[in-house]
Amino acid sequence: MLCRMDVINSMRSVIELASLWIEVLAIVIIVAAIAYGGVQYLLDGLVRRKRSDAYHAFKVRLGSALLIGLEILVAADVIRTVALEPTLENVLGLGLLVLIRTFLSWSLVVEIEGRWPWQKKTGLE
């Protein structure tokens, strides 16, 4: 029969592994998007002769992948902090990370869409 500490240690290991896999997923998404976006940029710019649109399309693809990657990394940090080490110091560190990543996300949205996330879309977009 498993004792309580064995169950807790097993759950801790599963949570650590899950947060690690979530981080790996975020990295894979970002790297794959860079590779895909780079190939598309080269095809659009060199082969299809759409140089003026190629940079904007690359920027949108890369920015979108970074946004998704950042959100997934935040999820991994939340899981790790809340489930494994919910100390005040770790929660404050998580809060700082979330603030920094939120600012980065907003900056990416401004770069991609040309407006702040809370602004309404104009009919020209």
C-alpha atoms as a PDB file:
ATOM      1  CA  MET A   1       0.000   0.000   0.000  1.00  0.00           C
ATOM      2  CA  LEU A   2       1.281   3.443  -0.911  1.00  0.00           C
ATOM      3  CA  CYS A   3       1.837   5.826   1.933  1.00  0.00           C
ATOM      4  CA  ARG A   4       0.760   9.441   1.737  1.00  0.00           C
ATOM      5  CA  MET A   5       4.308  10.716   1.060  1.00  0.00           C
ATOM      6  CA  ASP A   6       4.736   8.318  -1.858  1.00  0.00           C
ATOM      7  CA  VAL A   7       1.524   9.613  -3.434  1.00  0.00           C
ATOM      8  CA  ILE A   8       2.581  13.228  -2.880  1.00  0.00           C
ATOM      9  CA  ASN A   9       6.028  12.596  -4.360  1.00  0.00           C
ATOM     10  CA  SER A  10       4.475  10.826  -7.354  1.00  0.00           C
ATOM     11  CA  MET A  11       2.071  13.707  -7.944  1.00  0.00           C
ATOM     12  CA  ARG A  12       4.931  16.196  -7.598  1.00  0.00           C
ATOM     13  CA  SER A  13       6.923  14.313 -10.225  1.00  0.00           C
ATOM     14  CA  VAL A  14       3.963  14.243 -12.604  1.00  0.00           C
ATOM     15  CA  ILE A  15       3.374  17.984 -12.157  1.00  0.00           C
ATOM     16  CA  GLU A  16       7.069  18.769 -12.724  1.00  0.00           C
ATOM     17  CA  LEU A  17       7.080  16.622 -15.847  1.00  0.00           C
ATOM     18  CA  ALA A  18       3.862  18.214 -17.119  1.00  0.00           C
ATOM     19  CA  SER A  19       5.206  21.742 -16.666  1.00  0.00           C
ATOM     20  CA  LEU A  20       8.437  20.750 -18.407  1.00  0.00           C
ATOM     21  CA  TRP A  21       6.515  19.300 -21.376  1.00  0.00           C
ATOM     22  CA  ILE A  22       4.394  22.440 -21.568  1.00  0.00           C
ATOM     23  CA  GLU A  23       7.570  24.541 -21.747  1.00  0.00           C
ATOM     24  CA  VAL A  24       8.988  22.259 -24.441  1.00  0.00           C
ATOM     25  CA  LEU A  25       5.737  22.620 -26.406  1.00  0.00           C
ATOM     26  CA  ALA A  26       6.063  26.419 -26.274  1.00  0.00           C
ATOM     27  CA  ILE A  27       9.648  26.247 -27.505  1.00  0.00           C
ATOM     28  CA  VAL A  28       8.723  23.847 -30.314  1.00  0.00           C
ATOM     29  CA  ILE A  29       5.898  26.154 -31.425  1.00  0.00           C
ATOM     30  CA  ILE A  30       8.198  29.182 -31.496  1.00  0.00           C
ATOM     31  CA  VAL A  31      11.041  27.404 -33.312  1.00  0.00           C
ATOM     32  CA  ALA A  32       8.663  25.804 -35.835  1.00  0.00           C
ATOM     33  CA  ALA A  33       7.039  29.164 -36.517  1.00  0.00           C
ATOM     34  CA  ILE A  34      10.415  30.794 -37.093  1.00  0.00           C
ATOM     35  CA  ALA A  35      11.397  28.040 -39.530  1.00  0.00           C
ATOM     36  CA  TYR A  36       8.033  28.050 -41.328  1.00  0.00           C
ATOM     37  CA  GLY A  37       7.895  31.844 -41.424  1.00  0.00           C
ATOM     38  CA  GLY A  38      11.449  32.030 -42.724  1.00  0.00           C
ATOM     39  CA  VAL A  39      10.746  29.581 -45.525  1.00  0.00           C
ATOM     40  CA  GLN A  40       7.551  31.419 -46.464  1.00  0.00           C
ATOM     41  CA  TYR A  41       9.418  34.742 -46.374  1.00  0.00           C
ATOM     42  CA  LEU A  42      12.062  33.418 -48.738  1.00  0.00           C
ATOM     43  CA  LEU A  43       9.457  31.911 -51.061  1.00  0.00           C
ATOM     44  CA  ASP A  44       7.376  35.105 -51.089  1.00  0.00           C
ATOM     45  CA  GLY A  45      10.368  37.412 -51.474  1.00  0.00           C
ATOM     46  CA  LEU A  46      12.509  35.498 -53.896  1.00  0.00           C
ATOM     47  CA  VAL A  47      10.299  33.086 -55.805  1.00  0.00           C
ATOM     48  CA  ARG A  48       6.874  34.724 -55.871  1.00  0.00           C
ATOM     49  CA  ARG A  49       8.290  38.268 -56.112  1.00  0.00           C
ATOM     50  CA  LYS A  50       5.994  39.657 -53.412  1.00  0.00           C
ATOM     51  CA  ARG A  51       8.732  41.448 -51.494  1.00  0.00           C
ATOM     52  CA  SER A  52       6.505  44.231 -50.189  1.00  0.00           C
ATOM     53  CA  ASP A  53       4.044  41.808 -48.593  1.00  0.00           C
ATOM     54  CA  ALA A  54       6.628  39.189 -47.545  1.00  0.00           C
ATOM     55  CA  TYR A  55       8.027  41.138 -44.591  1.00  0.00           C
ATOM     56  CA  HIS A  56       4.601  41.993 -43.183  1.00  0.00           C
ATOM     57  CA  ALA A  57       3.422  38.383 -43.519  1.00  0.00           C
ATOM     58  CA  PHE A  58       6.620  37.139 -41.818  1.00  0.00           C
ATOM     59  CA  LYS A  59       6.167  39.633 -38.987  1.00  0.00           C
ATOM     60  CA  VAL A  60       2.553  38.546 -38.451  1.00  0.00           C
ATOM     61  CA  ARG A  61       3.431  34.820 -38.491  1.00  0.00           C
ATOM     62  CA  LEU A  62       6.317  35.250 -36.097  1.00  0.00           C
ATOM     63  CA  GLY A  63       4.421  37.595 -33.776  1.00  0.00           C
ATOM     64  CA  SER A  64       1.458  35.241 -33.581  1.00  0.00           C
ATOM     65  CA  ALA A  65       3.700  32.283 -32.742  1.00  0.00           C
ATOM     66  CA  LEU A  66       5.476  34.312 -30.071  1.00  0.00           C
ATOM     67  CA  LEU A  67       2.141  35.275 -28.541  1.00  0.00           C
ATOM     68  CA  ILE A  68       1.053  31.649 -28.367  1.00  0.00           C
ATOM     69  CA  GLY A  69       4.447  30.597 -27.021  1.00  0.00           C
ATOM     70  CA  LEU A  70       4.332  33.266 -24.303  1.00  0.00           C
ATOM     71  CA  GLU A  71       0.852  32.204 -23.220  1.00  0.00           C
ATOM     72  CA  ILE A  72       1.918  28.578 -22.990  1.00  0.00           C
ATOM     73  CA  LEU A  73       5.037  29.516 -20.998  1.00  0.00           C
ATOM     74  CA  VAL A  74       2.867  31.476 -18.554  1.00  0.00           C
ATOM     75  CA  ALA A  75       0.681  28.392 -18.128  1.00  0.00           C
ATOM     76  CA  ALA A  76       3.743  26.282 -17.298  1.00  0.00           C
ATOM     77  CA  ASP A  77       4.930  28.859 -14.764  1.00  0.00           C
ATOM     78  CA  VAL A  78       1.508  29.009 -13.126  1.00  0.00           C
ATOM     79  CA  ILE A  79       1.350  25.228 -12.817  1.00  0.00           C
ATOM     80  CA  ARG A  80       4.840  25.027 -11.390  1.00  0.00           C
ATOM     81  CA  THR A  81       4.361  27.882  -8.913  1.00  0.00           C
ATOM     82  CA  VAL A  82       0.853  27.104  -7.697  1.00  0.00           C
ATOM     83  CA  ALA A  83       1.140  23.335  -7.537  1.00  0.00           C
ATOM     84  CA  LEU A  84       4.755  22.834  -6.507  1.00  0.00           C
ATOM     85  CA  GLU A  85       6.083  25.822  -4.593  1.00  0.00           C
ATOM     86  CA  PRO A  86       3.323  28.235  -3.566  1.00  0.00           C
ATOM     87  CA  THR A  87       5.506  30.444  -1.356  1.00  0.00           C
ATOM     88  CA  LEU A  88       4.981  34.194  -1.231  1.00  0.00           C
ATOM     89  CA  GLU A  89       8.353  34.761  -2.874  1.00  0.00           C
ATOM     90  CA  ASN A  90       7.546  32.393  -5.764  1.00  0.00           C
ATOM     91  CA  VAL A  91       4.068  33.862  -6.244  1.00  0.00           C
ATOM     92  CA  LEU A  92       5.537  37.381  -6.362  1.00  0.00           C
ATOM     93  CA  GLY A  93       8.128  36.176  -8.879  1.00  0.00           C
ATOM     94  CA  LEU A  94       5.347  34.627 -10.953  1.00  0.00           C
ATOM     95  CA  GLY A  95       3.422  37.889 -10.808  1.00  0.00           C
ATOM     96  CA  LEU A  96       6.460  39.768 -12.113  1.00  0.00           C
ATOM     97  CA  LEU A  97       6.921  37.235 -14.927  1.00  0.00           C
ATOM     98  CA  VAL A  98       3.254  37.525 -15.881  1.00  0.00           C
ATOM     99  CA  LEU A  99       3.530  41.345 -15.939  1.00  0.00           C
ATOM    100  CA  ILE A 100       6.612  41.211 -18.171  1.00  0.00           C
ATOM    101  CA  ARG A 101       5.057  38.662 -20.514  1.00  0.00           C
ATOM    102  CA  THR A 102       1.804  40.637 -20.624  1.00  0.00           C
ATOM    103  CA  PHE A 103       3.752  43.741 -21.666  1.00  0.00           C
ATOM    104  CA  LEU A 104       5.560  41.695 -24.319  1.00  0.00           C
ATOM    105  CA  SER A 105       2.240  40.307 -25.567  1.00  0.00           C
ATOM    106  CA  TRP A 106       0.746  43.774 -25.821  1.00  0.00           C
ATOM    107  CA  SER A 107       3.842  45.001 -27.649  1.00  0.00           C
ATOM    108  CA  LEU A 108       3.524  42.132 -30.126  1.00  0.00           C
ATOM    109  CA  VAL A 109      -0.166  42.896 -30.705  1.00  0.00           C
ATOM    110  CA  VAL A 110       0.696  46.543 -31.379  1.00  0.00           C
ATOM    111  CA  GLU A 111       3.427  45.453 -33.783  1.00  0.00           C
ATOM    112  CA  ILE A 112       1.173  42.980 -35.614  1.00  0.00           C
ATOM    113  CA  GLU A 113      -2.152  44.820 -35.646  1.00  0.00           C
ATOM    114  CA  GLY A 114      -1.050  48.442 -35.291  1.00  0.00           C
ATOM    115  CA  ARG A 115      -3.351  49.061 -32.309  1.00  0.00           C
ATOM    116  CA  TRP A 116      -3.539  48.319 -28.591  1.00  0.00           C
ATOM    117  CA  PRO A 117      -5.449  45.150 -27.636  1.00  0.00           C
ATOM    118  CA  TRP A 118      -8.265  47.139 -26.005  1.00  0.00           C
ATOM    119  CA  GLN A 119      -8.801  49.412 -29.003  1.00  0.00           C
ATOM    120  CA  LYS A 120     -11.583  48.603 -31.434  1.00  0.00           C
ATOM    121  CA  LYS A 121     -10.701  47.475 -34.910  1.00  0.00           C
ATOM    122  CA  THR A 122     -11.310  50.030 -37.605  1.00  0.00           C
ATOM    123  CA  GLY A 123     -13.099  49.150 -40.808  1.00  0.00           C
ATOM    124  CA  LEU A 124      -9.790  49.496 -42.684  1.00  0.00           C
ATOM    125  CA  GLU A 125      -8.165  46.398 -41.120  1.00  0.00           C
END
